[in-house]
Amino acid sequence: MNSEPAQQRLQRENLQFAGSGGVSQGNADRGFRPAFRDSETRRIYPSCFADGRAAPFHLVDGLPAEAVEARDPRGRVTRIKATVVSGFIRDGRFYTRDEARRAVETLH
């Protein structure tokens, strides 16, 4: 089990890929949409607000129960499965953050 809280994990990843195609701001204009993939089940989850609307950045509150390990008393996601990774969807394909970063570099 990944003990890192979901928000902290996303913030760390955003810092790691800041200024590159590995974050939404660096790839949205190239057709990438934030998403998550469970490496265990291979299911892909587009990033959504809790009400199901598409989110323009990585947001865990719209993840389904099978991808979530813990929620706070208000129902907000506090921990996601360790097998769930953030990335992006483009043209029906899932890209990890690093794959998206490299793809954006080659699209320039």
C-alpha atoms as a PDB file:
ATOM      1  CA  MET A   1       0.000   0.000   0.000  1.00  0.00           C
ATOM      2  CA  ASN A   2       1.229   3.479  -0.871  1.00  0.00           C
ATOM      3  CA  SER A   3       1.195   5.528   2.330  1.00  0.00           C
ATOM      4  CA  GLU A   4       1.549   8.886   0.537  1.00  0.00           C
ATOM      5  CA  PRO A   5      -1.662  10.954   0.595  1.00  0.00           C
ATOM      6  CA  ALA A   6      -3.208  11.431  -2.855  1.00  0.00           C
ATOM      7  CA  GLN A   7      -2.906  15.230  -2.947  1.00  0.00           C
ATOM      8  CA  GLN A   8       0.705  15.114  -1.801  1.00  0.00           C
ATOM      9  CA  ARG A   9       1.492  12.525  -4.468  1.00  0.00           C
ATOM     10  CA  LEU A  10      -0.026  14.698  -7.226  1.00  0.00           C
ATOM     11  CA  GLN A  11       1.809  17.797  -5.979  1.00  0.00           C
ATOM     12  CA  ARG A  12       5.109  15.923  -5.984  1.00  0.00           C
ATOM     13  CA  GLU A  13       4.502  14.718  -9.549  1.00  0.00           C
ATOM     14  CA  ASN A  14       3.533  18.225 -10.682  1.00  0.00           C
ATOM     15  CA  LEU A  15       6.766  19.595  -9.262  1.00  0.00           C
ATOM     16  CA  GLN A  16       8.775  16.807 -10.862  1.00  0.00           C
ATOM     17  CA  PHE A  17       7.325  17.506 -14.326  1.00  0.00           C
ATOM     18  CA  ALA A  18       6.818  21.286 -13.997  1.00  0.00           C
ATOM     19  CA  GLY A  19       7.485  23.222 -17.193  1.00  0.00           C
ATOM     20  CA  SER A  20       7.165  20.135 -19.378  1.00  0.00           C
ATOM     21  CA  GLY A  21       4.585  18.101 -21.245  1.00  0.00           C
ATOM     22  CA  GLY A  22       4.228  15.952 -18.123  1.00  0.00           C
ATOM     23  CA  VAL A  23       1.689  18.397 -16.653  1.00  0.00           C
ATOM     24  CA  SER A  24      -1.672  19.510 -17.988  1.00  0.00           C
ATOM     25  CA  GLN A  25      -0.513  23.075 -18.654  1.00  0.00           C
ATOM     26  CA  GLY A  26       2.297  21.735 -20.828  1.00  0.00           C
ATOM     27  CA  ASN A  27       0.274  19.397 -23.006  1.00  0.00           C
ATOM     28  CA  ALA A  28      -3.427  20.351 -23.127  1.00  0.00           C
ATOM     29  CA  ASP A  29      -2.894  22.293 -26.345  1.00  0.00           C
ATOM     30  CA  ARG A  30      -1.558  19.074 -27.899  1.00  0.00           C
ATOM     31  CA  GLY A  31      -4.753  17.125 -27.187  1.00  0.00           C
ATOM     32  CA  PHE A  32      -3.717  15.414 -23.943  1.00  0.00           C
ATOM     33  CA  ARG A  33      -6.385  14.997 -21.262  1.00  0.00           C
ATOM     34  CA  PRO A  34      -5.522  14.187 -17.626  1.00  0.00           C
ATOM     35  CA  ALA A  35      -6.332  10.635 -16.584  1.00  0.00           C
ATOM     36  CA  PHE A  36      -5.355   7.793 -14.292  1.00  0.00           C
ATOM     37  CA  ARG A  37      -4.595   4.143 -15.057  1.00  0.00           C
ATOM     38  CA  ASP A  38      -4.682   1.213 -12.696  1.00  0.00           C
ATOM     39  CA  SER A  39      -1.657  -0.882 -13.654  1.00  0.00           C
ATOM     40  CA  GLU A  40      -3.236  -3.908 -11.993  1.00  0.00           C
ATOM     41  CA  THR A  41      -6.575  -3.870 -13.846  1.00  0.00           C
ATOM     42  CA  ARG A  42      -5.390  -1.785 -16.855  1.00  0.00           C
ATOM     43  CA  ARG A  43      -8.523   0.380 -16.452  1.00  0.00           C
ATOM     44  CA  ILE A  44      -8.204   4.016 -17.455  1.00  0.00           C
ATOM     45  CA  TYR A  45     -10.108   6.739 -15.629  1.00  0.00           C
ATOM     46  CA  PRO A  46     -10.361  10.215 -17.172  1.00  0.00           C
ATOM     47  CA  SER A  47      -9.839  12.887 -14.522  1.00  0.00           C
ATOM     48  CA  CYS A  48     -13.212  14.147 -13.308  1.00  0.00           C
ATOM     49  CA  PHE A  49     -14.764  16.293 -10.645  1.00  0.00           C
ATOM     50  CA  ALA A  50     -16.773  14.370  -8.033  1.00  0.00           C
ATOM     51  CA  ASP A  51     -19.963  15.150  -9.994  1.00  0.00           C
ATOM     52  CA  GLY A  52     -18.577  13.493 -13.137  1.00  0.00           C
ATOM     53  CA  ARG A  53     -17.664  16.599 -15.141  1.00  0.00           C
ATOM     54  CA  ALA A  54     -14.335  16.407 -16.947  1.00  0.00           C
ATOM     55  CA  ALA A  55     -11.518  18.061 -15.000  1.00  0.00           C
ATOM     56  CA  PRO A  56      -8.811  20.031 -16.826  1.00  0.00           C
ATOM     57  CA  PHE A  57      -6.151  18.749 -14.387  1.00  0.00           C
ATOM     58  CA  HIS A  58      -5.551  15.657 -12.248  1.00  0.00           C
ATOM     59  CA  LEU A  59      -8.266  15.389  -9.625  1.00  0.00           C
ATOM     60  CA  VAL A  60      -8.792  12.272  -7.513  1.00  0.00           C
ATOM     61  CA  ASP A  61     -12.288  13.043  -6.204  1.00  0.00           C
ATOM     62  CA  GLY A  62     -13.876  11.694  -9.400  1.00  0.00           C
ATOM     63  CA  LEU A  63     -12.154   8.313  -9.205  1.00  0.00           C
ATOM     64  CA  PRO A  64     -14.439   5.288  -8.725  1.00  0.00           C
ATOM     65  CA  ALA A  65     -14.451   3.307  -5.478  1.00  0.00           C
ATOM     66  CA  GLU A  66     -12.282   0.515  -6.903  1.00  0.00           C
ATOM     67  CA  ALA A  67      -9.391   2.974  -7.392  1.00  0.00           C
ATOM     68  CA  VAL A  68      -9.660   4.546  -3.932  1.00  0.00           C
ATOM     69  CA  GLU A  69      -8.182   3.271  -0.660  1.00  0.00           C
ATOM     70  CA  ALA A  70      -9.445   5.951   1.737  1.00  0.00           C
ATOM     71  CA  ARG A  71     -11.800   8.909   1.984  1.00  0.00           C
ATOM     72  CA  ASP A  72     -12.221  11.519   4.682  1.00  0.00           C
ATOM     73  CA  PRO A  73     -15.494  11.907   6.638  1.00  0.00           C
ATOM     74  CA  ARG A  74     -16.814  14.293   3.948  1.00  0.00           C
ATOM     75  CA  GLY A  75     -16.205  11.694   1.213  1.00  0.00           C
ATOM     76  CA  ARG A  76     -13.154  13.332  -0.335  1.00  0.00           C
ATOM     77  CA  VAL A  77     -10.446  10.973  -1.545  1.00  0.00           C
ATOM     78  CA  THR A  78      -7.392  10.955   0.700  1.00  0.00           C
ATOM     79  CA  ARG A  79      -5.552   7.912  -0.649  1.00  0.00           C
ATOM     80  CA  ILE A  80      -5.632   6.079  -3.979  1.00  0.00           C
ATOM     81  CA  LYS A  81      -4.401   2.572  -4.734  1.00  0.00           C
ATOM     82  CA  ALA A  82      -0.639   2.320  -5.210  1.00  0.00           C
ATOM     83  CA  THR A  83      -1.300   0.740  -8.613  1.00  0.00           C
ATOM     84  CA  VAL A  84      -3.146   3.850  -9.862  1.00  0.00           C
ATOM     85  CA  VAL A  85      -0.818   6.199 -11.748  1.00  0.00           C
ATOM     86  CA  SER A  86      -1.523   9.644 -13.112  1.00  0.00           C
ATOM     87  CA  GLY A  87      -0.997  10.370 -16.768  1.00  0.00           C
ATOM     88  CA  PHE A  88      -2.909  11.473 -19.834  1.00  0.00           C
ATOM     89  CA  ILE A  89      -5.125  10.193 -22.634  1.00  0.00           C
ATOM     90  CA  ARG A  90      -4.526  11.268 -26.209  1.00  0.00           C
ATOM     91  CA  ASP A  91      -6.144   9.690 -29.270  1.00  0.00           C
ATOM     92  CA  GLY A  92      -7.389   6.780 -27.150  1.00  0.00           C
ATOM     93  CA  ARG A  93      -3.957   5.928 -25.745  1.00  0.00           C
ATOM     94  CA  PHE A  94      -2.795   6.318 -22.137  1.00  0.00           C
ATOM     95  CA  TYR A  95       0.518   8.086 -21.566  1.00  0.00           C
ATOM     96  CA  THR A  96       2.377   8.194 -18.260  1.00  0.00           C
ATOM     97  CA  ARG A  97       3.584  11.652 -17.300  1.00  0.00           C
ATOM     98  CA  ASP A  98       7.057  10.835 -18.609  1.00  0.00           C
ATOM     99  CA  GLU A  99       5.676   9.436 -21.869  1.00  0.00           C
ATOM    100  CA  ALA A 100       3.566  12.577 -22.322  1.00  0.00           C
ATOM    101  CA  ARG A 101       6.608  14.753 -21.640  1.00  0.00           C
ATOM    102  CA  ARG A 102       8.610  12.927 -24.305  1.00  0.00           C
ATOM    103  CA  ALA A 103       5.715  12.960 -26.790  1.00  0.00           C
ATOM    104  CA  VAL A 104       5.265  16.726 -26.438  1.00  0.00           C
ATOM    105  CA  GLU A 105       9.008  17.235 -26.995  1.00  0.00           C
ATOM    106  CA  THR A 106       8.804  15.334 -30.282  1.00  0.00           C
ATOM    107  CA  LEU A 107       5.671  17.232 -31.393  1.00  0.00           C
ATOM    108  CA  HIS A 108       7.504  20.595 -31.322  1.00  0.00           C
END
